[in-house]
Amino acid sequence: AAAAVAAVYGVKALWYVTRPLPPDPAAGYDTERPGTRRVSRATPAPLLALTSAAALLGVLALPGPASWLRRLVGAGGEPSPEAWELGLSAGVVL
């Protein structure tokens, strides 16, 4: 169920990103309160750290690295997804 919810949110985000711009997109800026529309110089550093951590943890979920990690922590009998399950999950999202 969680995978289906994640897939729905992924499709929703893709729909928002790919829909066409309105005739006058600048008219929608600062409608609630004035803003700078600039990104602080300090913003990319935490985002880079979070994306790097997510990429590393995502790689550790793959069957090869996951078996190495299970042996490392001594959790050999724990269930893990098969390669076809990972492929099916990716296919549902795409």
PDB file of N, CA and C in Angstrom:
ATOM      1  N   ALA A   1       0.816  -1.186   0.000  1.00  0.00           N
ATOM      2  CA  ALA A   1       0.000   0.000   0.000  1.00  0.00           C
ATOM      3  C   ALA A   1       0.867   1.260   0.000  1.00  0.00           C
ATOM      4  N   ALA A   2       1.968   1.208   0.752  1.00  0.00           N
ATOM      5  CA  ALA A   2       2.846   2.382   0.822  1.00  0.00           C
ATOM      6  C   ALA A   2       3.482   2.660  -0.530  1.00  0.00           C
ATOM      7  N   ALA A   3       3.808   1.611  -1.274  1.00  0.00           N
ATOM      8  CA  ALA A   3       4.400   1.807  -2.599  1.00  0.00           C
ATOM      9  C   ALA A   3       3.396   2.460  -3.543  1.00  0.00           C
ATOM     10  N   ALA A   4       2.141   2.077  -3.432  1.00  0.00           N
ATOM     11  CA  ALA A   4       1.115   2.683  -4.286  1.00  0.00           C
ATOM     12  C   ALA A   4       0.928   4.157  -3.947  1.00  0.00           C
ATOM     13  N   VAL A   5       0.935   4.485  -2.663  1.00  0.00           N
ATOM     14  CA  VAL A   5       0.805   5.889  -2.255  1.00  0.00           C
ATOM     15  C   VAL A   5       1.995   6.690  -2.761  1.00  0.00           C
ATOM     16  N   ALA A   6       3.197   6.123  -2.640  1.00  0.00           N
ATOM     17  CA  ALA A   6       4.393   6.810  -3.132  1.00  0.00           C
ATOM     18  C   ALA A   6       4.318   7.006  -4.641  1.00  0.00           C
ATOM     19  N   ALA A   7       3.812   6.001  -5.356  1.00  0.00           N
ATOM     20  CA  ALA A   7       3.682   6.125  -6.804  1.00  0.00           C
ATOM     21  C   ALA A   7       2.683   7.217  -7.174  1.00  0.00           C
ATOM     22  N   VAL A   8       1.586   7.304  -6.441  1.00  0.00           N
ATOM     23  CA  VAL A   8       0.588   8.348  -6.713  1.00  0.00           C
ATOM     24  C   VAL A   8       1.194   9.725  -6.485  1.00  0.00           C
ATOM     25  N   TYR A   9       1.931   9.883  -5.393  1.00  0.00           N
ATOM     26  CA  TYR A   9       2.576  11.171  -5.135  1.00  0.00           C
ATOM     27  C   TYR A   9       3.625  11.485  -6.195  1.00  0.00           C
ATOM     28  N   GLY A  10       4.326  10.476  -6.678  1.00  0.00           N
ATOM     29  CA  GLY A  10       5.298  10.692  -7.748  1.00  0.00           C
ATOM     30  C   GLY A  10       4.631  11.172  -9.026  1.00  0.00           C
ATOM     31  N   VAL A  11       3.508  10.557  -9.374  1.00  0.00           N
ATOM     32  CA  VAL A  11       2.770  10.978 -10.568  1.00  0.00           C
ATOM     33  C   VAL A  11       2.236  12.392 -10.384  1.00  0.00           C
ATOM     34  N   LYS A  12       1.763  12.703  -9.188  1.00  0.00           N
ATOM     35  CA  LYS A  12       1.248  14.051  -8.919  1.00  0.00           C
ATOM     36  C   LYS A  12       2.357  15.088  -9.062  1.00  0.00           C
ATOM     37  N   ALA A  13       3.528  14.799  -8.529  1.00  0.00           N
ATOM     38  CA  ALA A  13       4.658  15.731  -8.652  1.00  0.00           C
ATOM     39  C   ALA A  13       5.060  15.887 -10.110  1.00  0.00           C
ATOM     40  N   LEU A  14       5.083  14.783 -10.850  1.00  0.00           N
ATOM     41  CA  LEU A  14       5.424  14.847 -12.268  1.00  0.00           C
ATOM     42  C   LEU A  14       4.402  15.675 -13.031  1.00  0.00           C
ATOM     43  N   TRP A  15       3.128  15.554 -12.678  1.00  0.00           N
ATOM     44  CA  TRP A  15       2.088  16.336 -13.344  1.00  0.00           C
ATOM     45  C   TRP A  15       2.304  17.826 -13.093  1.00  0.00           C
ATOM     46  N   TYR A  16       2.614  18.209 -11.854  1.00  0.00           N
ATOM     47  CA  TYR A  16       2.839  19.623 -11.552  1.00  0.00           C
ATOM     48  C   TYR A  16       4.061  20.172 -12.281  1.00  0.00           C
ATOM     49  N   VAL A  17       5.085  19.360 -12.426  1.00  0.00           N
ATOM     50  CA  VAL A  17       6.319  19.831 -13.059  1.00  0.00           C
ATOM     51  C   VAL A  17       6.166  19.957 -14.568  1.00  0.00           C
ATOM     52  N   THR A  18       5.397  19.066 -15.181  1.00  0.00           N
ATOM     53  CA  THR A  18       5.332  19.039 -16.641  1.00  0.00           C
ATOM     54  C   THR A  18       4.140  19.778 -17.243  1.00  0.00           C
ATOM     55  N   ARG A  19       3.247  20.305 -16.425  1.00  0.00           N
ATOM     56  CA  ARG A  19       2.105  21.011 -17.020  1.00  0.00           C
ATOM     57  C   ARG A  19       2.567  22.348 -17.613  1.00  0.00           C
ATOM     58  N   PRO A  20       1.850  22.855 -18.612  1.00  0.00           N
ATOM     59  CA  PRO A  20       2.283  24.091 -19.274  1.00  0.00           C
ATOM     60  C   PRO A  20       2.156  25.307 -18.356  1.00  0.00           C
ATOM     61  N   LEU A  21       2.965  26.302 -18.654  1.00  0.00           N
ATOM     62  CA  LEU A  21       2.919  27.547 -17.885  1.00  0.00           C
ATOM     63  C   LEU A  21       1.642  28.315 -18.205  1.00  0.00           C
ATOM     64  N   PRO A  22       1.115  29.059 -17.233  1.00  0.00           N
ATOM     65  CA  PRO A  22      -0.047  29.899 -17.525  1.00  0.00           C
ATOM     66  C   PRO A  22       0.359  31.045 -18.451  1.00  0.00           C
ATOM     67  N   PRO A  23      -0.606  31.750 -19.043  1.00  0.00           N
ATOM     68  CA  PRO A  23      -0.271  32.826 -19.980  1.00  0.00           C
ATOM     69  C   PRO A  23       0.635  33.899 -19.373  1.00  0.00           C
ATOM     70  N   ASP A  24       0.417  34.233 -18.101  1.00  0.00           N
ATOM     71  CA  ASP A  24       1.242  35.251 -17.449  1.00  0.00           C
ATOM     72  C   ASP A  24       1.774  34.676 -16.129  1.00  0.00           C
ATOM     73  N   PRO A  25       2.859  33.875 -16.167  1.00  0.00           N
ATOM     74  CA  PRO A  25       3.316  33.216 -14.946  1.00  0.00           C
ATOM     75  C   PRO A  25       3.796  34.185 -13.875  1.00  0.00           C
ATOM     76  N   ALA A  26       4.320  35.345 -14.253  1.00  0.00           N
ATOM     77  CA  ALA A  26       4.816  36.298 -13.259  1.00  0.00           C
ATOM     78  C   ALA A  26       3.687  36.869 -12.406  1.00  0.00           C
ATOM     79  N   ALA A  27       2.451  36.825 -12.894  1.00  0.00           N
ATOM     80  CA  ALA A  27       1.328  37.360 -12.129  1.00  0.00           C
ATOM     81  C   ALA A  27       1.046  36.520 -10.883  1.00  0.00           C
ATOM     82  N   GLY A  28       1.494  35.274 -10.862  1.00  0.00           N
ATOM     83  CA  GLY A  28       1.264  34.414  -9.707  1.00  0.00           C
ATOM     84  C   GLY A  28       2.308  34.541  -8.621  1.00  0.00           C
ATOM     85  N   TYR A  29       3.379  35.280  -8.865  1.00  0.00           N
ATOM     86  CA  TYR A  29       4.432  35.446  -7.862  1.00  0.00           C
ATOM     87  C   TYR A  29       4.004  36.441  -6.803  1.00  0.00           C
ATOM     88  N   ASP A  30       4.419  36.200  -5.590  1.00  0.00           N
ATOM     89  CA  ASP A  30       4.219  37.119  -4.469  1.00  0.00           C
ATOM     90  C   ASP A  30       2.756  37.513  -4.290  1.00  0.00           C
ATOM     91  N   THR A  31       1.845  36.576  -4.432  1.00  0.00           N
ATOM     92  CA  THR A  31       0.432  36.901  -4.258  1.00  0.00           C
ATOM     93  C   THR A  31       0.039  36.940  -2.792  1.00  0.00           C
ATOM     94  N   GLU A  32       0.747  36.215  -1.925  1.00  0.00           N
ATOM     95  CA  GLU A  32       0.392  36.192  -0.511  1.00  0.00           C
ATOM     96  C   GLU A  32       1.204  37.195   0.293  1.00  0.00           C
ATOM     97  N   ARG A  33       2.488  37.228   0.041  1.00  0.00           N
ATOM     98  CA  ARG A  33       3.356  38.211   0.692  1.00  0.00           C
ATOM     99  C   ARG A  33       4.607  38.364  -0.151  1.00  0.00           C
ATOM    100  N   PRO A  34       5.258  39.496  -0.104  1.00  0.00           N
ATOM    101  CA  PRO A  34       6.436  39.710  -0.939  1.00  0.00           C
ATOM    102  C   PRO A  34       7.571  38.770  -0.541  1.00  0.00           C
ATOM    103  N   GLY A  35       8.274  38.293  -1.538  1.00  0.00           N
ATOM    104  CA  GLY A  35       9.413  37.417  -1.293  1.00  0.00           C
ATOM    105  C   GLY A  35      10.607  37.844  -2.112  1.00  0.00           C
ATOM    106  N   THR A  36      11.738  37.215  -1.852  1.00  0.00           N
ATOM    107  CA  THR A  36      12.954  37.587  -2.574  1.00  0.00           C
ATOM    108  C   THR A  36      13.134  36.768  -3.846  1.00  0.00           C
ATOM    109  N   ARG A  37      12.535  35.562  -3.893  1.00  0.00           N
ATOM    110  CA  ARG A  37      12.714  34.624  -5.006  1.00  0.00           C
ATOM    111  C   ARG A  37      14.183  34.295  -5.232  1.00  0.00           C
ATOM    112  N   ARG A  38      14.940  34.259  -4.165  1.00  0.00           N
ATOM    113  CA  ARG A  38      16.358  33.903  -4.237  1.00  0.00           C
ATOM    114  C   ARG A  38      16.617  32.773  -3.244  1.00  0.00           C
ATOM    115  N   VAL A  39      17.608  31.964  -3.573  1.00  0.00           N
ATOM    116  CA  VAL A  39      18.007  30.874  -2.695  1.00  0.00           C
ATOM    117  C   VAL A  39      19.253  31.305  -1.945  1.00  0.00           C
ATOM    118  N   SER A  40      19.252  31.117  -0.650  1.00  0.00           N
ATOM    119  CA  SER A  40      20.396  31.486   0.183  1.00  0.00           C
ATOM    120  C   SER A  40      21.622  30.658  -0.203  1.00  0.00           C
ATOM    121  N   ARG A  41      22.810  31.209   0.004  1.00  0.00           N
ATOM    122  CA  ARG A  41      24.044  30.471  -0.285  1.00  0.00           C
ATOM    123  C   ARG A  41      24.206  29.268   0.637  1.00  0.00           C
ATOM    124  N   ALA A  42      23.571  29.286   1.795  1.00  0.00           N
ATOM    125  CA  ALA A  42      23.688  28.180   2.743  1.00  0.00           C
ATOM    126  C   ALA A  42      22.756  27.012   2.407  1.00  0.00           C
ATOM    127  N   THR A  43      21.842  27.188   1.495  1.00  0.00           N
ATOM    128  CA  THR A  43      20.858  26.150   1.194  1.00  0.00           C
ATOM    129  C   THR A  43      21.436  24.929   0.485  1.00  0.00           C
ATOM    130  N   PRO A  44      22.306  25.051  -0.511  1.00  0.00           N
ATOM    131  CA  PRO A  44      22.764  23.853  -1.221  1.00  0.00           C
ATOM    132  C   PRO A  44      23.535  22.851  -0.365  1.00  0.00           C
ATOM    133  N   ALA A  45      24.246  23.279   0.661  1.00  0.00           N
ATOM    134  CA  ALA A  45      25.051  22.351   1.463  1.00  0.00           C
ATOM    135  C   ALA A  45      24.197  21.287   2.156  1.00  0.00           C
ATOM    136  N   PRO A  46      23.136  21.650   2.895  1.00  0.00           N
ATOM    137  CA  PRO A  46      22.324  20.597   3.504  1.00  0.00           C
ATOM    138  C   PRO A  46      21.602  19.737   2.468  1.00  0.00           C
ATOM    139  N   LEU A  47      21.199  20.334   1.358  1.00  0.00           N
ATOM    140  CA  LEU A  47      20.547  19.541   0.315  1.00  0.00           C
ATOM    141  C   LEU A  47      21.504  18.521  -0.277  1.00  0.00           C
ATOM    142  N   LEU A  48      22.751  18.908  -0.482  1.00  0.00           N
ATOM    143  CA  LEU A  48      23.759  17.981  -0.991  1.00  0.00           C
ATOM    144  C   LEU A  48      23.991  16.850   0.003  1.00  0.00           C
ATOM    145  N   ALA A  49      24.056  17.171   1.286  1.00  0.00           N
ATOM    146  CA  ALA A  49      24.247  16.137   2.305  1.00  0.00           C
ATOM    147  C   ALA A  49      23.069  15.164   2.324  1.00  0.00           C
ATOM    148  N   LEU A  50      21.850  15.682   2.239  1.00  0.00           N
ATOM    149  CA  LEU A  50      20.671  14.818   2.259  1.00  0.00           C
ATOM    150  C   LEU A  50      20.572  13.951   1.008  1.00  0.00           C
ATOM    151  N   THR A  51      20.866  14.514  -0.166  1.00  0.00           N
ATOM    152  CA  THR A  51      20.796  13.713  -1.386  1.00  0.00           C
ATOM    153  C   THR A  51      21.895  12.665  -1.419  1.00  0.00           C
ATOM    154  N   SER A  52      23.063  12.992  -0.901  1.00  0.00           N
ATOM    155  CA  SER A  52      24.151  12.004  -0.843  1.00  0.00           C
ATOM    156  C   SER A  52      23.782  10.857   0.093  1.00  0.00           C
ATOM    157  N   ALA A  53      23.219  11.186   1.247  1.00  0.00           N
ATOM    158  CA  ALA A  53      22.800  10.145   2.192  1.00  0.00           C
ATOM    159  C   ALA A  53      21.703   9.270   1.588  1.00  0.00           C
ATOM    160  N   ALA A  54      20.750   9.878   0.892  1.00  0.00           N
ATOM    161  CA  ALA A  54      19.672   9.109   0.271  1.00  0.00           C
ATOM    162  C   ALA A  54      20.215   8.193  -0.817  1.00  0.00           C
ATOM    163  N   ALA A  55      21.162   8.680  -1.609  1.00  0.00           N
ATOM    164  CA  ALA A  55      21.753   7.849  -2.660  1.00  0.00           C
ATOM    165  C   ALA A  55      22.522   6.679  -2.054  1.00  0.00           C
ATOM    166  N   LEU A  56      23.292   6.926  -1.003  1.00  0.00           N
ATOM    167  CA  LEU A  56      24.050   5.860  -0.354  1.00  0.00           C
ATOM    168  C   LEU A  56      23.115   4.820   0.247  1.00  0.00           C
ATOM    169  N   LEU A  57      22.090   5.259   0.952  1.00  0.00           N
ATOM    170  CA  LEU A  57      21.151   4.313   1.547  1.00  0.00           C
ATOM    171  C   LEU A  57      20.371   3.555   0.477  1.00  0.00           C
ATOM    172  N   GLY A  58      20.091   4.204  -0.636  1.00  0.00           N
ATOM    173  CA  GLY A  58      19.420   3.514  -1.733  1.00  0.00           C
ATOM    174  C   GLY A  58      20.281   2.423  -2.332  1.00  0.00           C
ATOM    175  N   VAL A  59      21.572   2.675  -2.465  1.00  0.00           N
ATOM    176  CA  VAL A  59      22.493   1.655  -2.984  1.00  0.00           C
ATOM    177  C   VAL A  59      22.590   0.493  -2.003  1.00  0.00           C
ATOM    178  N   LEU A  60      22.584   0.779  -0.709  1.00  0.00           N
ATOM    179  CA  LEU A  60      22.670  -0.289   0.293  1.00  0.00           C
ATOM    180  C   LEU A  60      21.439  -1.190   0.295  1.00  0.00           C
ATOM    181  N   ALA A  61      20.350  -0.771  -0.324  1.00  0.00           N
ATOM    182  CA  ALA A  61      19.152  -1.600  -0.395  1.00  0.00           C
ATOM    183  C   ALA A  61      19.200  -2.592  -1.551  1.00  0.00           C
ATOM    184  N   LEU A  62      20.131  -2.426  -2.483  1.00  0.00           N
ATOM    185  CA  LEU A  62      20.251  -3.361  -3.601  1.00  0.00           C
ATOM    186  C   LEU A  62      20.727  -4.717  -3.091  1.00  0.00           C
ATOM    187  N   PRO A  63      20.392  -5.815  -3.789  1.00  0.00           N
ATOM    188  CA  PRO A  63      20.700  -7.150  -3.265  1.00  0.00           C
ATOM    189  C   PRO A  63      22.173  -7.386  -2.915  1.00  0.00           C
ATOM    190  N   GLY A  64      23.112  -6.964  -3.737  1.00  0.00           N
ATOM    191  CA  GLY A  64      24.530  -7.204  -3.440  1.00  0.00           C
ATOM    192  C   GLY A  64      25.003  -6.494  -2.182  1.00  0.00           C
ATOM    193  N   PRO A  65      24.900  -5.161  -2.140  1.00  0.00           N
ATOM    194  CA  PRO A  65      25.320  -4.451  -0.927  1.00  0.00           C
ATOM    195  C   PRO A  65      24.481  -4.808   0.300  1.00  0.00           C
ATOM    196  N   ALA A  66      23.220  -5.155   0.108  1.00  0.00           N
ATOM    197  CA  ALA A  66      22.374  -5.500   1.255  1.00  0.00           C
ATOM    198  C   ALA A  66      22.861  -6.778   1.921  1.00  0.00           C
ATOM    199  N   SER A  67      23.290  -7.768   1.122  1.00  0.00           N
ATOM    200  CA  SER A  67      23.796  -9.004   1.728  1.00  0.00           C
ATOM    201  C   SER A  67      25.091  -8.735   2.485  1.00  0.00           C
ATOM    202  N   TRP A  68      25.945  -7.879   1.931  1.00  0.00           N
ATOM    203  CA  TRP A  68      27.184  -7.507   2.634  1.00  0.00           C
ATOM    204  C   TRP A  68      26.854  -6.820   3.953  1.00  0.00           C
ATOM    205  N   LEU A  69      25.873  -5.920   3.940  1.00  0.00           N
ATOM    206  CA  LEU A  69      25.496  -5.191   5.147  1.00  0.00           C
ATOM    207  C   LEU A  69      24.877  -6.128   6.180  1.00  0.00           C
ATOM    208  N   ARG A  70      24.062  -7.087   5.740  1.00  0.00           N
ATOM    209  CA  ARG A  70      23.467  -8.053   6.670  1.00  0.00           C
ATOM    210  C   ARG A  70      24.546  -8.896   7.337  1.00  0.00           C
ATOM    211  N   ARG A  71      25.546  -9.328   6.556  1.00  0.00           N
ATOM    212  CA  ARG A  71      26.651 -10.092   7.150  1.00  0.00           C
ATOM    213  C   ARG A  71      27.436  -9.232   8.133  1.00  0.00           C
ATOM    214  N   LEU A  72      27.608  -7.954   7.802  1.00  0.00           N
ATOM    215  CA  LEU A  72      28.381  -7.056   8.653  1.00  0.00           C
ATOM    216  C   LEU A  72      27.729  -6.871  10.021  1.00  0.00           C
ATOM    217  N   VAL A  73      26.410  -6.733  10.046  1.00  0.00           N
ATOM    218  CA  VAL A  73      25.717  -6.513  11.316  1.00  0.00           C
ATOM    219  C   VAL A  73      25.196  -7.809  11.934  1.00  0.00           C
ATOM    220  N   GLY A  74      25.405  -8.935  11.271  1.00  0.00           N
ATOM    221  CA  GLY A  74      24.998 -10.218  11.829  1.00  0.00           C
ATOM    222  C   GLY A  74      23.514 -10.476  11.761  1.00  0.00           C
ATOM    223  N   ALA A  75      22.863 -10.027  10.728  1.00  0.00           N
ATOM    224  CA  ALA A  75      21.422 -10.230  10.567  1.00  0.00           C
ATOM    225  C   ALA A  75      21.174 -11.067   9.324  1.00  0.00           C
ATOM    226  N   GLY A  76      21.762 -12.253   9.280  1.00  0.00           N
ATOM    227  CA  GLY A  76      21.691 -13.090   8.086  1.00  0.00           C
ATOM    228  C   GLY A  76      20.309 -13.603   7.745  1.00  0.00           C
ATOM    229  N   GLY A  77      19.453 -13.840   8.733  1.00  0.00           N
ATOM    230  CA  GLY A  77      18.147 -14.425   8.457  1.00  0.00           C
ATOM    231  C   GLY A  77      17.042 -13.419   8.207  1.00  0.00           C
ATOM    232  N   GLU A  78      17.369 -12.159   8.123  1.00  0.00           N
ATOM    233  CA  GLU A  78      16.345 -11.133   7.922  1.00  0.00           C
ATOM    234  C   GLU A  78      15.809 -11.176   6.490  1.00  0.00           C
ATOM    235  N   PRO A  79      14.515 -10.916   6.310  1.00  0.00           N
ATOM    236  CA  PRO A  79      13.961 -10.897   4.949  1.00  0.00           C
ATOM    237  C   PRO A  79      14.458  -9.685   4.164  1.00  0.00           C
ATOM    238  N   SER A  80      14.578  -9.868   2.873  1.00  0.00           N
ATOM    239  CA  SER A  80      14.992  -8.767   2.003  1.00  0.00           C
ATOM    240  C   SER A  80      14.309  -8.936   0.656  1.00  0.00           C
ATOM    241  N   PRO A  81      14.151  -7.857  -0.086  1.00  0.00           N
ATOM    242  CA  PRO A  81      13.477  -7.962  -1.384  1.00  0.00           C
ATOM    243  C   PRO A  81      14.358  -8.678  -2.403  1.00  0.00           C
ATOM    244  N   GLU A  82      13.707  -9.389  -3.290  1.00  0.00           N
ATOM    245  CA  GLU A  82      14.404 -10.025  -4.408  1.00  0.00           C
ATOM    246  C   GLU A  82      14.602  -8.990  -5.510  1.00  0.00           C
ATOM    247  N   ALA A  83      15.469  -9.295  -6.461  1.00  0.00           N
ATOM    248  CA  ALA A  83      15.752  -8.358  -7.549  1.00  0.00           C
ATOM    249  C   ALA A  83      14.489  -8.069  -8.368  1.00  0.00           C
ATOM    250  N   TRP A  84      13.654  -9.085  -8.594  1.00  0.00           N
ATOM    251  CA  TRP A  84      12.449  -8.862  -9.393  1.00  0.00           C
ATOM    252  C   TRP A  84      11.473  -7.942  -8.658  1.00  0.00           C
ATOM    253  N   GLU A  85      11.455  -8.006  -7.315  1.00  0.00           N
ATOM    254  CA  GLU A  85      10.580  -7.118  -6.554  1.00  0.00           C
ATOM    255  C   GLU A  85      11.036  -5.665  -6.664  1.00  0.00           C
ATOM    256  N   LEU A  86      12.346  -5.456  -6.654  1.00  0.00           N
ATOM    257  CA  LEU A  86      12.865  -4.103  -6.838  1.00  0.00           C
ATOM    258  C   LEU A  86      12.526  -3.578  -8.231  1.00  0.00           C
ATOM    259  N   GLY A  87      12.665  -4.439  -9.243  1.00  0.00           N
ATOM    260  CA  GLY A  87      12.323  -4.042 -10.609  1.00  0.00           C
ATOM    261  C   GLY A  87      10.843  -3.737 -10.763  1.00  0.00           C
ATOM    262  N   LEU A  88      10.002  -4.557 -10.153  1.00  0.00           N
ATOM    263  CA  LEU A  88       8.560  -4.318 -10.213  1.00  0.00           C
ATOM    264  C   LEU A  88       8.198  -3.006  -9.525  1.00  0.00           C
ATOM    265  N   SER A  89       8.816  -2.739  -8.386  1.00  0.00           N
ATOM    266  CA  SER A  89       8.558  -1.488  -7.677  1.00  0.00           C
ATOM    267  C   SER A  89       8.961  -0.286  -8.523  1.00  0.00           C
ATOM    268  N   ALA A  90      10.125  -0.367  -9.157  1.00  0.00           N
ATOM    269  CA  ALA A  90      10.564   0.729 -10.027  1.00  0.00           C
ATOM    270  C   ALA A  90       9.626   0.882 -11.218  1.00  0.00           C
ATOM    271  N   GLY A  91       9.148  -0.234 -11.761  1.00  0.00           N
ATOM    272  CA  GLY A  91       8.219  -0.175 -12.882  1.00  0.00           C
ATOM    273  C   GLY A  91       6.895   0.459 -12.511  1.00  0.00           C
ATOM    274  N   VAL A  92       6.408   0.182 -11.303  1.00  0.00           N
ATOM    275  CA  VAL A  92       5.152   0.786 -10.847  1.00  0.00           C
ATOM    276  C   VAL A  92       5.306   2.294 -10.717  1.00  0.00           C
ATOM    277  N   VAL A  93       6.446   2.727 -10.212  1.00  0.00           N
ATOM    278  CA  VAL A  93       6.671   4.162 -10.037  1.00  0.00           C
ATOM    279  C   VAL A  93       6.777   4.858 -11.381  1.00  0.00           C
ATOM    280  N   LEU A  94       7.457   4.228 -12.328  1.00  0.00           N
ATOM    281  CA  LEU A  94       7.634   4.859 -13.636  1.00  0.00           C
ATOM    282  C   LEU A  94       6.387   4.706 -14.466  1.00  0.00           C
TER     283      LEU A  94
END
